[in-house]
Every structure is written in structure tokens, then in C-alpha cells.
Amino acid sequence: MLAVNQLTAGYGKLQILHEISMTVEPERFVAILGPNGSGKSTLLKSIFGLTDYFGGDIRFRGQSLIGKATETISKQGIAYVPQRQNIFASMTVRENLLLALRNQPRAAAESALAAARDLFPILADRQGQRAGQLSGGERQMLAIAIGWLAQPKLMLLDEPSAGLSPLFVSDVFRTLQTLSRSGITLVVVEQNARSVLRWCDYAFVLREGQVVFQGSSDAILNDEETIKNYLGVTVR
């Protein structure tokens, strides 16, 4: 599904990622972990065409993404949900969702809205409410719903649990697991390692722009000493 090969990337002349290689299989829920400044968000932005490339390659379903515009990457089946500025606060929930469906015929858009209400029930009673009035967890669900409505094969999410209460953190990860089981591949940057490892399938750990550890979520959860050395946290 996604193959990153010896990728070196960053911003301007500043290199953040250094020869990163990783493979993500279809329909997997993959977490990208690591301390602040390790290059996690830069990796997502690189996949979505938002950084400068200095070497290596990124392939999605066999085709290189290097040098392609974000609009082209999106049309190939990749959705990117940034940590901030991921909704239109002055618009209603329904207007946000309809904007994501603006290129769909009316009947198809209404059908998709109904499916979104079923998949994201927390938004069902908020259709007429301005998005800026939602709680942090509700905003995050709306942002995920907007990405999902694009019918992507791969979703990139940057810190979806940031600033949320424990209850909403579980709701967000439960929803992401549901999306993964429906056939969407997920690559999720997370600072909250202890939570995401209980929901994801596999994780890569970054430090100083390089992959320093990887493994299944079960293996990491059962190897507390190793992950503590890389992340500085316990996972139990």
C-alpha cells in the first residue's frame, strides 16, 4: 500500500528526515511514535507532498508521490487530517461535511451524509451547530469524518487525540479502528503512545528523523523496557 524508501526530506535547506524507510500493508492501523521533534509530523506531510525532498522515494500503490501536488495525491486516494485547522469553525457541522462532498451528485452526497451520521453518531445531533462551538473531541470526530468522506484508501492523521479527555481519546481510537476494519489504511502520528498501542496493529518509533524501532502493538506492549528506552514512557 505505502512504501517509503530512504526518504530524506524537510523544509527549505533544513533536513528533518534522514533516509527513513518503512512499509505499510493494506488495511492496517499503523502508529508513528516518538518524542517531540523526532520528525513524526514531517513524515506525514512528506507523504502528502507538503515538504521538500532531498532523496529517496515514496510509493503509494506502486506509484511514486515525489514531486506531485497535494491535489493530485488526494485524488489518488490519500486523505490528510492535520492536527490544527482541520475544520471550518464558522460553518455548521453539516456545511463542513457538505463541503467535503461538493463534487458529488446531490443524491450521492445525501447518502454519504447519512452514512457519516451512522459512523460518527456524536455528530448526528450537531448538524446545525457551528463547528467552532463543538468540544475538542467533537471537532476531532468532524475532522476525521471530513477526511473519510473523500473515500480514501489511506488516511494520514496527525495527533488525533491531542488535548482530548480520556473518554474522547478512546472514542477517537475506537472510530479509527472501525475505519481500518472497513478497509481503510491508517497512518497515525501520536504522542499518546500508551493509548494508541492498545488500538493500532503496528508502530514505528522515530528519533531525530530516523526509524529506530518498529514492531506489532502487542510486541511493544509486552516489551515495556524496550519501548521505555525509546519513548521514555511506560505502556502499562
Protein backbone atom coordinates (compact mmCIF):
# COMPACT_ATOMS: atom_id res chain seq x y z
CA MET A 1 0.00 0.00 0.00
CA LEU A 2 2.63 2.55 1.12
CA ALA A 3 6.40 2.24 0.81
CA VAL A 4 8.86 4.89 2.00
CA ASN A 5 12.38 4.16 0.78
CA GLN A 6 15.46 6.01 2.09
CA LEU A 7 13.49 9.25 2.33
CA THR A 8 15.35 12.43 3.23
CA ALA A 9 13.05 15.46 3.50
CA GLY A 10 12.46 18.73 5.33
CA TYR A 11 11.82 22.41 4.75
CA GLY A 12 13.96 24.69 2.64
CA LYS A 13 17.54 23.63 3.30
CA LEU A 14 16.70 22.07 6.67
CA GLN A 15 16.66 18.27 6.63
CA ILE A 16 14.32 16.74 9.22
CA LEU A 17 14.03 13.15 7.98
CA HIS A 18 17.17 11.15 7.27
CA GLU A 19 16.92 8.12 4.99
CA ILE A 20 13.69 6.82 6.50
CA SER A 21 12.35 3.51 5.19
CA MET A 22 9.05 1.93 6.16
CA THR A 23 6.31 -0.21 4.62
CA VAL A 24 2.63 -0.09 5.50
CA GLU A 25 0.45 -3.01 4.46
CA PRO A 26 -3.15 -2.52 3.28
CA GLU A 27 -5.94 -2.16 5.85
CA ARG A 28 -3.53 -1.71 8.75
CA PHE A 29 -3.76 0.77 11.61
CA VAL A 30 -0.19 2.00 11.99
CA ALA A 31 1.06 4.43 14.63
CA ILE A 32 4.07 6.73 14.28
CA LEU A 33 5.56 7.35 17.72
CA GLY A 34 8.49 9.31 19.07
CA PRO A 35 9.49 12.27 21.21
CA ASN A 36 8.78 15.87 20.21
CA GLY A 37 10.96 16.97 17.32
CA SER A 38 11.58 13.46 16.04
CA GLY A 39 10.03 14.15 12.62
CA LYS A 40 6.67 12.43 13.03
CA SER A 41 4.52 15.21 11.56
CA THR A 42 7.11 15.92 8.88
CA LEU A 43 6.81 12.30 7.76
CA LEU A 44 3.05 12.66 7.25
CA LYS A 45 3.50 15.97 5.45
CA SER A 46 6.13 14.40 3.20
CA ILE A 47 3.74 11.63 2.19
CA PHE A 48 1.14 14.28 1.34
CA GLY A 49 3.56 16.43 -0.66
CA LEU A 50 3.98 19.26 1.85
CA THR A 51 7.76 19.19 2.35
CA ASP A 52 10.92 19.49 0.30
CA TYR A 53 12.56 16.24 -0.82
CA PHE A 54 16.31 15.69 -0.82
CA GLY A 55 16.47 12.00 -1.60
CA GLY A 56 14.66 8.69 -1.60
CA ASP A 57 11.15 7.82 -2.73
CA ILE A 58 7.57 7.42 -1.51
CA ARG A 59 5.33 4.99 -3.34
CA PHE A 60 1.59 4.59 -2.91
CA ARG A 61 0.04 1.56 -4.57
CA GLY A 62 3.15 1.27 -6.70
CA GLN A 63 3.30 4.87 -7.94
CA SER A 64 5.79 7.48 -6.78
CA LEU A 65 4.41 10.53 -4.96
CA ILE A 66 7.61 12.55 -5.21
CA GLY A 67 7.03 15.87 -6.95
CA LYS A 68 3.25 15.52 -7.11
CA ALA A 69 0.90 18.29 -5.95
CA THR A 70 -1.24 17.65 -2.89
CA GLU A 71 -4.37 17.83 -5.03
CA THR A 72 -3.04 15.02 -7.22
CA ILE A 73 -2.05 12.96 -4.18
CA SER A 74 -5.52 13.43 -2.72
CA LYS A 75 -7.16 12.26 -5.93
CA GLN A 76 -5.02 9.11 -5.82
CA GLY A 77 -6.81 8.13 -2.61
CA ILE A 78 -4.95 9.73 0.29
CA ALA A 79 -6.62 11.94 2.91
CA TYR A 80 -4.61 14.07 5.35
CA VAL A 81 -6.12 15.24 8.66
CA PRO A 82 -3.77 17.80 10.27
CA GLN A 83 -3.68 18.44 13.99
CA ARG A 84 -4.87 22.03 13.67
CA GLN A 85 -7.01 24.00 11.22
CA ASN A 86 -8.80 20.82 10.16
CA ILE A 87 -12.36 22.21 10.17
CA PHE A 88 -14.13 25.45 9.21
CA ALA A 89 -15.14 26.85 12.60
CA SER A 90 -17.60 29.46 11.29
CA MET A 91 -19.57 26.89 9.28
CA THR A 92 -22.07 24.39 10.66
CA VAL A 93 -21.25 20.71 11.02
CA ARG A 94 -23.47 19.92 8.04
CA GLU A 95 -21.83 22.63 5.92
CA ASN A 96 -18.39 21.23 6.75
CA LEU A 97 -19.48 17.77 5.67
CA LEU A 98 -21.18 19.04 2.52
CA LEU A 99 -18.03 20.93 1.57
CA ALA A 100 -16.18 17.62 1.61
CA LEU A 101 -18.87 16.27 -0.76
CA ARG A 102 -19.01 19.29 -3.06
CA ASN A 103 -18.05 17.25 -6.13
CA GLN A 104 -20.63 14.54 -5.50
CA PRO A 105 -24.11 14.45 -7.09
CA ARG A 106 -26.84 15.52 -4.65
CA ALA A 107 -28.25 12.03 -4.13
CA ALA A 108 -24.80 10.56 -3.52
CA ALA A 109 -23.93 13.38 -1.12
CA GLU A 110 -27.08 12.83 0.93
CA SER A 111 -26.37 9.11 1.07
CA ALA A 112 -22.83 9.80 2.24
CA LEU A 113 -24.11 12.20 4.90
CA ALA A 114 -26.43 9.50 6.22
CA ALA A 115 -23.53 7.04 6.36
CA ALA A 116 -21.42 9.63 8.20
CA ARG A 117 -24.16 10.11 10.80
CA ASP A 118 -24.17 6.36 11.40
CA LEU A 119 -20.39 6.08 11.63
CA PHE A 120 -19.95 9.27 13.67
CA PRO A 121 -23.10 9.34 15.84
CA ILE A 122 -21.67 12.06 18.06
CA LEU A 123 -22.17 14.44 15.12
CA ALA A 124 -25.73 13.39 14.35
CA ASP A 125 -27.28 15.85 16.80
CA ARG A 126 -24.87 18.65 15.90
CA GLN A 127 -25.70 19.12 12.22
CA GLY A 128 -26.90 22.71 12.60
CA GLN A 129 -24.31 23.74 15.18
CA ARG A 130 -21.30 25.84 14.24
CA ALA A 131 -18.18 23.72 14.22
CA GLY A 132 -16.36 26.28 16.36
CA GLN A 133 -18.81 25.57 19.19
CA LEU A 134 -18.03 21.85 19.33
CA SER A 135 -15.96 20.30 22.08
CA GLY A 136 -12.41 19.21 21.27
CA GLY A 137 -13.47 15.59 20.82
CA GLU A 138 -16.40 16.52 18.61
CA ARG A 139 -14.17 18.71 16.46
CA GLN A 140 -11.76 15.83 16.01
CA MET A 141 -14.57 13.50 15.01
CA LEU A 142 -15.73 16.08 12.48
CA ALA A 143 -12.23 16.38 11.03
CA ILE A 144 -11.98 12.59 10.72
CA ALA A 145 -15.43 12.46 9.13
CA ILE A 146 -14.41 15.08 6.56
CA GLY A 147 -11.36 13.01 5.64
CA TRP A 148 -13.41 9.82 5.48
CA LEU A 149 -15.98 11.38 3.14
CA ALA A 150 -13.30 11.68 0.48
CA GLN A 151 -13.41 7.85 0.29
CA PRO A 152 -9.65 7.45 0.71
CA LYS A 153 -7.65 4.25 0.60
CA LEU A 154 -5.13 5.77 3.02
CA MET A 155 -5.74 8.27 5.83
CA LEU A 156 -2.91 10.25 7.46
CA LEU A 157 -3.82 11.69 10.87
CA ASP A 158 -1.62 13.99 12.93
CA GLU A 159 -2.15 13.78 16.72
CA PRO A 160 -5.89 12.98 16.65
CA SER A 161 -6.01 12.61 20.44
CA ALA A 162 -4.18 15.84 21.30
CA GLY A 163 -5.87 17.74 24.14
CA LEU A 164 -8.79 15.32 24.48
CA SER A 165 -10.21 13.81 27.65
CA PRO A 166 -9.54 10.08 28.23
CA LEU A 167 -13.13 9.28 27.25
CA PHE A 168 -12.84 11.06 23.91
CA VAL A 169 -9.38 9.54 23.30
CA SER A 170 -10.95 6.07 23.46
CA ASP A 171 -13.83 7.17 21.22
CA VAL A 172 -11.44 8.54 18.60
CA PHE A 173 -9.24 5.44 18.54
CA ARG A 174 -12.29 3.14 18.50
CA THR A 175 -13.59 5.03 15.45
CA LEU A 176 -10.20 4.77 13.73
CA GLN A 177 -10.10 1.04 14.39
CA THR A 178 -13.56 0.77 12.81
CA LEU A 179 -12.32 2.64 9.72
CA SER A 180 -9.33 0.32 9.48
CA ARG A 181 -11.54 -2.75 9.68
CA SER A 182 -13.73 -1.29 6.92
CA GLY A 183 -10.75 -1.40 4.54
CA ILE A 184 -9.01 1.96 5.02
CA THR A 185 -5.29 2.01 5.80
CA LEU A 186 -4.35 4.40 8.62
CA VAL A 187 -1.04 6.06 9.46
CA VAL A 188 -1.47 7.96 12.71
CA VAL A 189 1.09 10.21 14.39
CA GLU A 190 0.62 10.05 18.15
CA GLN A 191 2.27 11.42 21.27
CA ASN A 192 -0.04 9.31 23.45
CA ALA A 193 1.78 6.00 22.97
CA ARG A 194 0.09 4.21 25.83
CA SER A 195 -3.37 4.77 24.35
CA VAL A 196 -2.78 4.24 20.65
CA LEU A 197 -0.84 0.98 21.16
CA ARG A 198 -4.00 -0.59 22.56
CA TRP A 199 -5.83 0.06 19.30
CA CYS A 200 -3.32 0.00 16.43
CA ASP A 201 -1.77 -3.01 14.67
CA TYR A 202 1.81 -1.86 14.26
CA ALA A 203 4.06 1.04 15.23
CA PHE A 204 7.20 2.78 14.05
CA VAL A 205 9.26 4.79 16.53
CA LEU A 206 11.17 7.84 15.25
CA ARG A 207 14.04 9.66 16.87
CA GLU A 208 15.97 12.53 15.29
CA GLY A 209 14.40 11.88 11.90
CA GLN A 210 15.15 8.17 11.72
CA VAL A 211 13.25 4.95 12.39
CA VAL A 212 14.87 3.45 15.49
CA PHE A 213 12.34 0.77 16.38
CA GLN A 214 9.32 -0.97 14.93
CA GLY A 215 7.02 -3.82 15.80
CA SER A 216 3.48 -5.01 16.34
CA SER A 217 1.48 -3.25 19.01
CA ASP A 218 1.24 -6.49 21.01
CA ALA A 219 5.00 -6.99 20.90
CA ILE A 220 5.61 -3.43 22.08
CA LEU A 221 3.04 -3.67 24.86
CA ASN A 222 4.75 -6.82 26.06
CA ASP A 223 8.22 -5.25 25.94
CA GLU A 224 7.86 -2.32 28.29
CA GLU A 225 11.57 -1.93 28.95
CA THR A 226 12.44 -1.59 25.27
CA ILE A 227 9.75 0.96 24.49
CA LYS A 228 10.60 2.91 27.63
CA ASN A 229 14.14 3.26 26.32
CA TYR A 230 12.88 4.70 23.03
CA LEU A 231 9.92 6.78 24.18
CA GLY A 232 10.68 7.49 27.81
CA VAL A 233 7.25 6.24 28.87
CA THR A 234 5.74 3.07 30.22
CA VAL A 235 2.94 1.42 28.27
CA ARG A 236 1.06 -0.33 31.05
